[in-house]
C-alpha atoms as a PDB file:
ATOM      1  CA  UNK A   1      -2.502 -43.704 -85.152  1.00  0.00           C
ATOM      2  CA  UNK A   2      -3.189 -46.560 -82.765  1.00  0.00           C
ATOM      3  CA  UNK A   3      -6.044 -48.883 -83.577  1.00  0.00           C
ATOM      4  CA  UNK A   4      -8.434 -50.106 -80.957  1.00  0.00           C
ATOM      5  CA  UNK A   5      -7.672 -53.752 -80.198  1.00  0.00           C
ATOM      6  CA  UNK A   6     -10.383 -56.354 -79.849  1.00  0.00           C
ATOM      7  CA  UNK A   7     -11.127 -57.333 -76.231  1.00  0.00           C
ATOM      8  CA  UNK A   8      -9.824 -60.736 -75.178  1.00  0.00           C
ATOM      9  CA  UNK A   9     -13.142 -61.671 -73.555  1.00  0.00           C
ATOM     10  CA  UNK A  10     -16.718 -60.565 -74.071  1.00  0.00           C
ATOM     11  CA  UNK A  11     -18.660 -58.584 -71.489  1.00  0.00           C
ATOM     12  CA  UNK A  12     -20.595 -61.727 -70.584  1.00  0.00           C
ATOM     13  CA  UNK A  13     -17.422 -63.763 -70.170  1.00  0.00           C
ATOM     14  CA  UNK A  14     -15.906 -61.011 -68.015  1.00  0.00           C
ATOM     15  CA  UNK A  15     -19.013 -60.976 -65.802  1.00  0.00           C
ATOM     16  CA  UNK A  16     -18.883 -64.770 -65.444  1.00  0.00           C
ATOM     17  CA  UNK A  17     -15.176 -64.654 -64.512  1.00  0.00           C
ATOM     18  CA  UNK A  18     -15.762 -61.900 -61.957  1.00  0.00           C
ATOM     19  CA  UNK A  19     -18.815 -63.675 -60.504  1.00  0.00           C
ATOM     20  CA  UNK A  20     -16.981 -67.019 -60.333  1.00  0.00           C
ATOM     21  CA  UNK A  21     -14.019 -65.448 -58.571  1.00  0.00           C
ATOM     22  CA  UNK A  22     -16.279 -63.692 -56.067  1.00  0.00           C
ATOM     23  CA  UNK A  23     -18.194 -66.948 -55.519  1.00  0.00           C
ATOM     24  CA  UNK A  24     -15.026 -68.940 -54.765  1.00  0.00           C
ATOM     25  CA  UNK A  25     -13.617 -66.353 -52.375  1.00  0.00           C
ATOM     26  CA  UNK A  26     -16.972 -65.840 -50.640  1.00  0.00           C
ATOM     27  CA  UNK A  27     -17.615 -69.577 -50.305  1.00  0.00           C
ATOM     28  CA  UNK A  28     -14.227 -70.064 -48.649  1.00  0.00           C
ATOM     29  CA  UNK A  29     -14.963 -67.129 -46.345  1.00  0.00           C
ATOM     30  CA  UNK A  30     -18.356 -68.659 -45.506  1.00  0.00           C
ATOM     31  CA  UNK A  31     -16.741 -71.985 -44.647  1.00  0.00           C
ATOM     32  CA  UNK A  32     -14.192 -70.206 -42.439  1.00  0.00           C
ATOM     33  CA  UNK A  33     -17.007 -68.399 -40.592  1.00  0.00           C
ATOM     34  CA  UNK A  34     -18.910 -71.685 -40.266  1.00  0.00           C
ATOM     35  CA  UNK A  35     -15.808 -73.363 -38.828  1.00  0.00           C
ATOM     36  CA  UNK A  36     -15.256 -70.530 -36.335  1.00  0.00           C
ATOM     37  CA  UNK A  37     -18.869 -70.823 -35.154  1.00  0.00           C
ATOM     38  CA  UNK A  38     -18.697 -74.629 -34.936  1.00  0.00           C
ATOM     39  CA  UNK A  39     -15.405 -74.469 -33.041  1.00  0.00           C
ATOM     40  CA  UNK A  40     -16.847 -72.016 -30.543  1.00  0.00           C
ATOM     41  CA  UNK A  41     -20.146 -73.844 -30.027  1.00  0.00           C
ATOM     42  CA  UNK A  42     -18.553 -77.288 -29.664  1.00  0.00           C
ATOM     43  CA  UNK A  43     -15.375 -76.236 -27.830  1.00  0.00           C
ATOM     44  CA  UNK A  44     -13.153 -77.519 -30.649  1.00  0.00           C
ATOM     45  CA  UNK A  45     -10.094 -75.992 -32.174  1.00  0.00           C
ATOM     46  CA  UNK A  46     -10.643 -74.141 -35.429  1.00  0.00           C
ATOM     47  CA  UNK A  47      -8.638 -76.779 -37.317  1.00  0.00           C
ATOM     48  CA  UNK A  48     -10.751 -79.626 -35.941  1.00  0.00           C
ATOM     49  CA  UNK A  49     -13.894 -77.774 -37.026  1.00  0.00           C
ATOM     50  CA  UNK A  50     -12.334 -76.907 -40.415  1.00  0.00           C
ATOM     51  CA  UNK A  51     -11.670 -80.607 -41.085  1.00  0.00           C
ATOM     52  CA  UNK A  52     -15.413 -81.301 -41.329  1.00  0.00           C
ATOM     53  CA  UNK A  53     -17.758 -79.741 -43.860  1.00  0.00           C
ATOM     54  CA  UNK A  54     -21.327 -78.738 -43.059  1.00  0.00           C
ATOM     55  CA  UNK A  55     -24.102 -81.248 -43.822  1.00  0.00           C
ATOM     56  CA  UNK A  56     -24.931 -81.451 -47.532  1.00  0.00           C
ATOM     57  CA  UNK A  57     -28.234 -79.588 -47.028  1.00  0.00           C
ATOM     58  CA  UNK A  58     -26.510 -76.732 -45.156  1.00  0.00           C
ATOM     59  CA  UNK A  59     -23.656 -76.616 -47.668  1.00  0.00           C
ATOM     60  CA  UNK A  60     -26.137 -76.331 -50.561  1.00  0.00           C
ATOM     61  CA  UNK A  61     -28.020 -73.531 -48.773  1.00  0.00           C
ATOM     62  CA  UNK A  62     -24.751 -71.701 -48.145  1.00  0.00           C
ATOM     63  CA  UNK A  63     -23.739 -72.167 -51.778  1.00  0.00           C
ATOM     64  CA  UNK A  64     -27.106 -70.869 -53.012  1.00  0.00           C
ATOM     65  CA  UNK A  65     -26.902 -67.724 -50.888  1.00  0.00           C
ATOM     66  CA  UNK A  66     -23.280 -67.105 -51.903  1.00  0.00           C
ATOM     67  CA  UNK A  67     -24.179 -67.659 -55.583  1.00  0.00           C
ATOM     68  CA  UNK A  68     -26.997 -65.085 -55.468  1.00  0.00           C
ATOM     69  CA  UNK A  69     -24.844 -62.500 -53.700  1.00  0.00           C
ATOM     70  CA  UNK A  70     -21.886 -63.222 -56.006  1.00  0.00           C
ATOM     71  CA  UNK A  71     -24.088 -62.779 -59.077  1.00  0.00           C
ATOM     72  CA  UNK A  72     -25.376 -59.438 -57.828  1.00  0.00           C
ATOM     73  CA  UNK A  73     -21.852 -58.313 -56.928  1.00  0.00           C
ATOM     74  CA  UNK A  74     -20.404 -59.498 -60.256  1.00  0.00           C
ATOM     75  CA  UNK A  75     -23.091 -57.619 -62.181  1.00  0.00           C
ATOM     76  CA  UNK A  76     -22.551 -54.502 -60.081  1.00  0.00           C
ATOM     77  CA  UNK A  77     -18.782 -54.623 -60.622  1.00  0.00           C
ATOM     78  CA  UNK A  78     -19.284 -54.928 -64.377  1.00  0.00           C
ATOM     79  CA  UNK A  79     -21.743 -52.032 -64.447  1.00  0.00           C
ATOM     80  CA  UNK A  80     -19.412 -49.843 -62.402  1.00  0.00           C
ATOM     81  CA  UNK A  81     -16.418 -50.801 -64.547  1.00  0.00           C
ATOM     82  CA  UNK A  82     -18.318 -49.872 -67.698  1.00  0.00           C
ATOM     83  CA  UNK A  83     -19.162 -46.444 -66.261  1.00  0.00           C
ATOM     84  CA  UNK A  84     -15.662 -45.529 -65.113  1.00  0.00           C
ATOM     85  CA  UNK A  85     -13.317 -44.077 -67.664  1.00  0.00           C
ATOM     86  CA  UNK A  86      -9.700 -44.655 -66.768  1.00  0.00           C
ATOM     87  CA  UNK A  87      -7.089 -42.153 -67.892  1.00  0.00           C
ATOM     88  CA  UNK A  88      -4.144 -43.790 -69.563  1.00  0.00           C
ATOM     89  CA  UNK A  89      -0.762 -42.973 -68.092  1.00  0.00           C
ATOM     90  CA  UNK A  90       1.700 -41.349 -70.463  1.00  0.00           C
END
């Protein structure tokens, strides 16, 4: 009879990993959107706009919003994962 193995990470650690991953991906996506908007408004190429970051104040605001949304999403993913039972393939 197979024994149940101990998880490699705790539920909290899993949530932090998921939230951190979502934060990184979402922050990059936010910077891409920012660069597209800056390029369009200032008639620059995307790459010229991408080479400059937003002002520190704007970057912190963006990071705060992305962190809140990432935390909510990470928690939701963990809750959903805990509710779904996956059938093992034979």
